[in-house]
Amino acid sequence: MNKIVSNKGDELNAQFKDTIENTVAICSNCHREFHHGINKEKIKDRIFREIQRIVEE
């Protein structure tokens, strides 16, 4: 499991503790892109938007 750290600042990072409830599953292709791809910032932003959407519901 990887911990995702937001580039949006400490306020967002503080919202997401290291717990199983805050785990996000992504496919191996997205995981690879997240770490090594030329579009990794785009993938990270998409994941964070989805996490925020879920948290706000």
Protein backbone atom coordinates (compact mmCIF):
# COMPACT_ATOMS: atom_id res chain seq x y z
CA MET A 1 0.00 0.00 0.00
CA ASN A 2 1.26 3.45 -0.86
CA LYS A 3 0.53 6.58 1.07
CA ILE A 4 -0.59 9.38 -1.20
CA VAL A 5 0.55 12.84 -0.19
CA SER A 6 -1.30 15.75 -1.68
CA ASN A 7 0.51 18.60 -3.33
CA LYS A 8 -2.45 20.73 -2.23
CA GLY A 9 -1.03 21.32 1.26
CA ASP A 10 -1.15 19.99 4.79
CA GLU A 11 -4.86 20.73 5.26
CA LEU A 12 -5.84 18.09 2.69
CA ASN A 13 -3.22 15.63 3.94
CA ALA A 14 -4.57 15.96 7.48
CA GLN A 15 -8.02 14.87 6.29
CA PHE A 16 -6.76 11.49 5.08
CA LYS A 17 -5.34 9.34 7.86
CA ASP A 18 -3.58 6.03 7.23
CA THR A 19 -6.53 3.73 7.79
CA ILE A 20 -8.16 0.95 5.83
CA GLU A 21 -11.25 3.14 5.46
CA ASN A 22 -9.16 5.65 3.51
CA THR A 23 -7.68 3.12 1.11
CA VAL A 24 -8.28 3.61 -2.58
CA ALA A 25 -7.95 0.74 -5.03
CA ILE A 26 -6.49 1.54 -8.42
CA CYS A 27 -5.59 -0.77 -11.26
CA SER A 28 -1.98 -1.73 -11.93
CA ASN A 29 -1.86 0.51 -15.00
CA CYS A 30 -2.96 3.57 -13.00
CA HIS A 31 -0.56 2.63 -10.20
CA ARG A 32 2.33 2.48 -12.66
CA GLU A 33 1.25 5.77 -14.23
CA PHE A 34 0.90 7.32 -10.77
CA HIS A 35 4.56 6.62 -9.97
CA HIS A 36 6.35 6.59 -13.31
CA GLY A 37 4.16 8.02 -16.06
CA ILE A 38 4.44 11.26 -17.91
CA ASN A 39 0.85 11.98 -16.80
CA LYS A 40 1.39 11.16 -13.11
CA GLU A 41 0.22 14.60 -11.93
CA LYS A 42 -2.99 14.19 -13.93
CA ILE A 43 -3.59 10.76 -12.35
CA LYS A 44 -2.85 12.12 -8.86
CA ASP A 45 -5.24 15.04 -9.35
CA ARG A 46 -7.98 12.70 -10.60
CA ILE A 47 -7.55 10.39 -7.60
CA PHE A 48 -7.63 13.31 -5.16
CA ARG A 49 -10.76 14.77 -6.78
CA GLU A 50 -12.47 11.40 -6.45
CA ILE A 51 -11.38 11.05 -2.81
CA GLN A 52 -12.68 14.55 -2.03
CA ARG A 53 -15.98 13.78 -3.74
CA ILE A 54 -16.42 10.65 -1.65
CA VAL A 55 -15.48 12.40 1.60
CA GLU A 56 -17.93 15.23 0.94
CA GLU A 57 -20.88 12.88 0.39
